[in-house]
Protein backbone atom coordinates (compact mmCIF):
# COMPACT_ATOMS: atom_id res chain seq x y z
CA MET A 1 106.66 89.97 113.01
CA ILE A 2 108.31 88.34 110.45
CA GLY A 3 111.61 90.01 109.06
CA PRO A 4 113.83 92.72 110.49
CA TYR A 5 112.65 96.14 112.19
CA PRO A 6 113.94 98.58 109.90
CA THR A 7 116.82 101.24 110.91
CA VAL A 8 114.79 104.59 112.03
CA TRP A 9 116.46 107.88 111.93
CA MET A 10 114.73 111.14 113.36
CA GLY A 11 115.13 114.52 112.62
CA HIS A 12 113.59 117.93 113.83
CA TYR A 13 114.42 121.15 112.75
CA VAL A 14 115.57 121.42 108.87
CA HIS A 15 116.53 125.13 107.90
CA GLU A 16 119.40 127.57 106.86
CA PRO A 17 120.86 129.58 109.68
CA GLY A 18 119.39 132.63 110.36
CA THR A 19 115.73 131.25 109.56
CA ARG A 20 113.14 132.78 112.05
CA PRO A 21 111.65 132.31 114.36
CA ALA A 22 115.22 131.71 115.95
CA THR A 23 115.21 128.69 117.76
CA GLY A 24 118.21 127.25 120.63
CA TYR A 25 118.05 123.80 119.17
CA PRO A 26 120.12 122.03 116.67
CA ALA A 27 119.07 122.34 112.70
CA LEU A 28 120.36 120.27 109.91
CA ARG A 29 120.94 122.68 106.99
CA PRO A 30 119.41 121.69 103.82
CA ASP A 31 122.60 120.60 102.09
CA GLN A 32 122.74 118.16 104.84
CA LEU A 33 119.42 116.67 104.49
CA ALA A 34 120.28 116.67 100.86
CA SER A 35 123.53 114.57 101.69
CA LEU A 36 121.64 112.06 104.03
CA LEU A 37 118.68 111.39 101.92
CA ASP A 38 121.27 110.59 98.88
CA GLU A 39 122.94 108.29 101.28
CA VAL A 40 119.96 106.47 101.88
CA GLY A 41 118.82 105.93 98.23
CA ARG A 42 122.44 104.67 97.55
CA THR A 43 122.89 102.18 100.66
CA GLY A 44 119.79 101.24 101.96
CA THR A 45 116.13 100.51 101.05
CA PRO A 46 113.82 103.61 101.94
CA VAL A 47 110.64 102.14 102.98
CA GLY A 48 107.46 104.07 104.32
CA TRP A 49 105.15 103.46 107.30
CA PRO A 50 102.77 100.89 105.20
CA GLU A 51 105.44 98.36 104.63
CA VAL A 52 106.53 98.89 108.48
CA ARG A 53 103.35 98.20 109.38
CA ASP A 54 102.75 95.13 107.15
CA ALA A 55 105.91 93.81 108.35
CA ILE A 56 105.09 94.11 112.10
CA GLN A 57 101.25 92.57 111.15
CA GLY A 58 103.36 89.54 110.06
CA HIS A 59 102.06 90.03 106.12
CA SER A 60 105.48 90.44 104.79
CA GLU A 61 109.21 91.12 105.19
CA LEU A 62 111.21 94.26 105.17
CA PRO A 63 114.56 94.29 103.34
CA ARG A 64 117.45 93.73 105.77
CA ASP A 65 118.91 97.19 104.80
CA ALA A 66 115.45 99.08 105.32
CA VAL A 67 115.38 102.56 106.50
CA LEU A 68 112.45 104.62 107.66
CA LEU A 69 112.94 108.16 108.16
CA THR A 70 110.63 110.24 110.44
CA PHE A 71 110.19 113.94 111.42
CA ASP A 72 108.98 114.91 114.74
CA ASP A 73 106.84 117.69 116.01
CA GLY A 74 105.09 119.09 112.91
CA LEU A 75 107.28 121.95 111.98
CA MET A 76 106.73 124.18 109.21
CA ASP A 77 110.53 123.35 108.32
CA HIS A 78 109.10 120.00 107.14
CA PHE A 79 106.73 121.37 104.31
CA ARG A 80 109.23 124.10 103.28
CA THR A 81 112.42 122.13 103.15
CA VAL A 82 111.94 118.47 103.75
CA LEU A 83 108.81 117.59 101.84
CA PRO A 84 110.48 118.91 98.49
CA ALA A 85 113.82 116.89 99.04
CA LEU A 86 111.74 113.82 99.44
CA VAL A 87 109.55 114.45 96.75
CA ALA A 88 112.60 114.99 94.40
CA ARG A 89 113.98 111.57 95.57
CA GLU A 90 110.88 109.59 95.84
CA ILE A 91 111.53 108.67 99.19
CA PRO A 92 108.59 108.18 101.80
CA ALA A 93 108.48 109.46 105.62
CA VAL A 94 106.55 109.56 108.83
CA PHE A 95 105.90 113.18 110.08
CA PHE A 96 104.96 112.61 114.05
CA ALA A 97 103.03 116.13 114.20
CA LEU A 98 101.44 117.80 117.43
CA ALA A 99 97.62 117.59 117.71
CA ARG A 100 97.63 121.56 118.34
CA GLU A 101 96.03 124.65 116.57
CA PRO A 102 97.63 127.92 116.87
CA ARG A 103 95.45 129.36 119.29
CA ASP A 104 97.11 126.62 121.51
CA GLY A 105 100.38 128.58 121.53
CA LEU A 106 103.42 126.78 121.88
CA ALA A 107 104.24 123.39 123.65
CA LEU A 108 106.67 123.76 126.50
CA GLY A 109 109.56 122.22 124.88
CA HIS A 110 109.31 124.73 121.98
CA GLN A 111 108.94 127.76 124.44
CA LEU A 112 112.02 126.48 125.59
CA HIS A 113 113.40 126.63 122.01
CA VAL A 114 112.09 129.92 121.04
CA LEU A 115 113.29 131.91 124.07
CA LEU A 116 116.85 129.84 123.66
CA GLY A 117 116.98 131.56 120.30
CA VAL A 118 116.97 134.75 121.94
CA MET A 119 118.95 134.09 125.51
CA SER A 120 121.49 131.92 126.91
CA PRO A 121 120.76 128.94 128.69
CA SER A 122 121.83 130.36 132.15
CA GLU A 123 120.07 133.56 131.22
CA LEU A 124 116.87 131.49 130.71
CA GLY A 125 117.11 129.44 133.67
CA GLU A 126 117.87 132.58 136.06
CA ALA A 127 114.73 134.35 134.54
CA VAL A 128 112.44 131.22 134.91
CA ALA A 129 113.82 130.79 138.56
CA GLU A 130 112.97 134.09 139.57
CA ARG A 131 109.26 133.64 138.47
CA LEU A 132 108.95 130.22 139.98
CA PRO A 133 107.10 129.73 143.45
CA ARG A 134 109.58 129.67 146.16
CA ALA A 135 109.46 125.91 146.62
CA ALA A 136 109.48 125.24 142.85
CA ARG A 137 112.41 127.60 142.54
CA ALA A 138 114.51 125.76 145.06
CA ASP A 139 113.76 122.50 143.36
CA TYR A 140 114.79 123.89 140.15
CA ARG A 141 118.00 125.26 141.04
CA ALA A 142 118.95 121.56 142.83
CA GLN A 143 117.84 119.90 139.83
CA VAL A 144 119.90 122.16 137.47
CA HIS A 145 123.01 121.76 139.71
CA ALA A 146 122.53 118.03 139.93
CA GLU A 147 121.98 118.04 135.87
CA LEU A 148 125.43 119.98 135.34
CA ARG A 149 127.45 117.70 138.01
CA ARG A 150 126.08 114.81 135.85
CA GLY A 151 127.10 116.12 132.57
CA LEU A 152 130.33 116.87 133.94
CA ALA A 153 131.07 113.88 135.42
CA ALA A 154 130.19 111.70 132.63
CA GLY A 155 132.18 114.26 130.13
CA SER A 156 129.14 114.62 128.49
CA ASP A 157 129.46 116.02 124.82
CA ALA A 158 125.63 115.76 124.45
CA HIS A 159 124.28 118.02 121.12
CA ASP A 160 122.10 120.18 123.30
CA ALA A 161 124.28 121.88 125.73
CA ALA A 162 121.27 123.34 127.46
CA ASP A 163 119.58 120.05 128.48
CA PRO A 164 120.66 120.94 132.36
CA TRP A 165 118.36 124.10 132.36
CA LYS A 166 115.66 122.49 129.99
CA ARG A 167 114.94 118.90 131.34
CA PRO A 168 113.85 119.98 134.75
CA LEU A 169 110.97 122.38 133.33
CA GLN A 170 110.05 119.60 130.88
CA ARG A 171 109.70 116.77 132.99
CA ASP A 172 108.72 117.31 137.00
CA LEU A 173 108.29 121.19 136.67
CA ALA A 174 106.10 121.50 133.42
CA ASP A 175 102.82 122.40 135.18
CA VAL A 176 104.23 125.60 137.03
CA ALA A 177 106.84 126.40 134.24
CA GLY A 178 104.26 126.59 131.49
CA PRO A 179 102.98 129.82 132.69
CA VAL A 180 106.20 131.42 133.60
CA LEU A 181 107.63 130.51 130.09
CA SER A 182 104.37 131.84 128.08
CA ALA A 183 104.95 135.20 129.98
CA LEU A 184 108.50 135.38 129.08
CA VAL A 185 107.54 134.33 125.19
CA ARG A 186 105.16 137.34 125.08
CA GLU A 187 107.66 139.64 126.51
CA ARG A 188 110.64 138.67 124.44
CA LEU A 189 108.95 137.63 121.24
CA GLY A 190 105.31 138.66 120.89
CA PRO A 191 102.06 136.92 120.96
CA GLU A 192 102.80 133.18 121.42
CA ASP A 193 99.93 132.23 118.49
CA ASP A 194 101.75 134.17 116.05
CA LEU A 195 104.87 132.26 116.77
CA ALA A 196 102.70 128.84 116.77
CA ARG A 197 101.66 129.79 113.35
CA GLU A 198 105.11 130.59 112.21
CA LEU A 199 106.57 127.44 113.83
CA TYR A 200 104.10 124.74 113.07
CA LEU A 201 102.41 122.91 110.40
CA GLY A 202 98.61 123.94 109.68
CA LYS A 203 95.96 121.82 108.23
CA ARG A 204 96.66 122.59 104.65
CA GLU A 205 100.35 121.65 104.86
CA LEU A 206 99.56 118.22 106.75
CA ALA A 207 97.17 117.65 104.06
CA GLU A 208 99.91 118.20 101.24
CA ILE A 209 102.04 116.29 103.09
CA ALA A 210 99.76 113.30 103.21
CA ALA A 211 98.73 113.85 99.32
CA ALA A 212 102.26 113.44 98.69
CA GLY A 213 102.37 109.59 99.99
CA HIS A 214 103.65 110.13 103.57
CA THR A 215 102.29 109.53 107.07
CA ILE A 216 101.05 111.71 109.73
CA GLY A 217 101.71 109.87 113.07
CA GLY A 218 100.99 110.74 116.37
CA HIS A 219 103.12 112.78 119.03
CA GLY A 220 100.73 113.83 121.49
CA ARG A 221 99.32 117.52 121.93
CA ASP A 222 101.29 119.11 124.75
CA HIS A 223 104.31 117.02 124.14
CA PRO A 224 104.37 116.25 127.96
CA TRP A 225 106.82 113.22 128.97
CA LEU A 226 104.38 110.22 128.90
CA ASP A 227 106.00 108.69 131.95
CA VAL A 228 105.61 111.47 134.00
CA VAL A 229 102.20 112.49 133.53
CA ASP A 230 99.09 110.54 135.20
CA LEU A 231 96.82 108.12 133.12
CA ALA A 232 93.91 110.75 132.54
CA ALA A 233 96.78 112.96 130.56
CA ARG A 234 98.58 109.97 128.82
CA ARG A 235 94.91 109.14 127.69
CA ARG A 236 93.97 112.64 126.52
CA GLU A 237 97.56 112.87 124.55
CA VAL A 238 96.92 109.75 122.91
CA ALA A 239 93.51 110.26 122.02
CA ALA A 240 94.35 113.75 120.50
CA SER A 241 97.08 112.12 118.26
CA ALA A 242 94.55 109.47 117.23
CA GLU A 243 92.00 112.29 116.06
CA LEU A 244 94.83 113.99 114.45
CA ALA A 245 96.06 111.01 112.29
CA ALA A 246 92.69 109.97 111.27
CA ALA A 247 92.04 112.99 109.66
CA TYR A 248 94.57 111.89 107.25
CA SER A 249 94.39 108.23 106.95
CA SER A 250 92.53 105.29 108.35
CA GLY A 251 93.85 103.14 111.47
CA SER A 252 96.93 101.65 112.29
CA TRP A 253 98.88 104.71 112.73
CA PRO A 254 102.48 104.89 114.18
CA PHE A 255 103.39 107.00 117.21
CA ALA A 256 106.47 108.38 118.58
CA TYR A 257 106.61 109.20 122.30
CA PRO A 258 107.55 112.87 123.17
CA TYR A 259 111.07 112.96 124.41
CA GLY A 260 111.49 108.98 124.31
CA GLY A 261 109.48 108.81 127.77
CA VAL A 262 107.62 105.27 127.42
CA PRO A 263 105.02 105.43 129.95
CA PRO A 264 104.06 102.04 131.77
CA ARG A 265 101.38 99.68 129.75
CA ALA A 266 102.00 101.82 126.65
CA GLY A 267 101.30 99.15 123.85
CA ASP A 268 98.00 98.41 125.66
CA LEU A 269 97.26 102.29 126.06
CA LEU A 270 98.42 102.96 122.23
CA ARG A 271 96.59 99.83 120.69
CA LYS A 272 93.30 100.80 121.76
CA ALA A 273 93.38 104.21 120.21
CA GLY A 274 94.15 102.31 116.88
CA PHE A 275 97.99 102.75 116.84
CA THR A 276 100.01 99.38 115.54
CA ALA A 277 103.69 100.67 116.91
CA ALA A 278 105.59 103.34 118.39
CA PHE A 279 109.28 104.90 118.66
CA THR A 280 111.31 105.90 120.90
CA THR A 281 114.45 107.85 121.08
CA SER A 282 116.76 105.25 122.15
CA PRO A 283 118.85 104.46 119.00
CA ARG A 284 119.23 100.49 119.36
CA GLU A 285 116.17 99.73 120.97
CA ARG A 286 113.81 96.76 119.72
CA ARG A 287 111.58 95.81 122.14
CA GLY A 288 108.82 94.84 120.32
CA ALA A 289 106.52 97.01 118.20
CA PHE A 290 105.96 99.77 120.94
CA ARG A 291 109.53 100.05 121.62
CA ILE A 292 111.40 100.55 118.21
CA GLY A 293 114.28 103.07 118.55
CA ARG A 294 115.85 105.81 116.41
CA TYR A 295 118.68 107.70 115.29
CA ASP A 296 118.65 111.49 116.09
CA VAL A 297 120.52 112.84 113.08
CA ASP A 298 120.31 116.42 115.06
CA ALA A 299 123.12 114.76 117.19
CA GLY A 300 125.61 114.73 114.50
CA THR A 301 124.79 111.58 112.76
CA THR A 302 125.62 111.92 109.28
CA SER A 303 124.96 108.13 108.06
CA TRP A 304 121.63 106.32 108.00
CA THR A 305 123.30 103.29 109.57
CA GLY A 306 123.61 105.66 112.83
CA THR A 307 127.44 106.46 112.74
CA PRO A 308 127.80 109.67 114.91
CA THR A 309 130.21 112.25 113.71
CA ARG A 310 131.09 113.39 117.20
């Protein structure tokens, strides 16, 4: 490639406190987003996916202060709050949306988010453990305890304090946890498809985002750790992503690995489906076009240079 990779940051939820449905995951306030975007405009050169793609393909160079903004999961926050802020400043972005319909319900990670909006992490963990099959229950509790010990030993100040209860369900126990979480969502919050309709972007919103000059990228359908699921599942996730991206632009799309989980031979898998590059969640990673790192602004980063505030 000619020229440097851009600095890339990723965001998720962007809304005022009290926005429904409540989620137990950090959210940028709109004023924080505005400050970040204003800093990008003052101190960097915002670039869009076409410029990054052209640089990766060797057709051009990026400015050394290039910054690419990305937003994950295809959330309604991105249409209501992020899009107007970007349009007002003429800043491009990539939106990595899930290839889901409301009838598909919530991806497992978002089942956890909405439940953590009404339950503490430990309450949710116990409610899930009680409903898991016996062997999975023992495995889950052992993994939670191990996660908690690791966090204490490391003096962890991770922004998501629910990680020890969430991560085992998202990774190794996803198959058995999904039905349990769906049942809890129905009992505590109501029909899951209604929540999905409130939480996720629909076709109309995605079309308006694309029409405003932004890029719709791939992020899977069910949002699994792609380094954990089998090859057939990886192919399904990537194929669903390619179908979604193709609805809004021609080929050479970007992809973001859910949770940053990079599968074996990721470049081959994604390239065959029409993707040109892929992004991880490791801030300083620059290991070729299919392992480009991103700074997580949800984790307290208030500068596009990636300087954390805590």
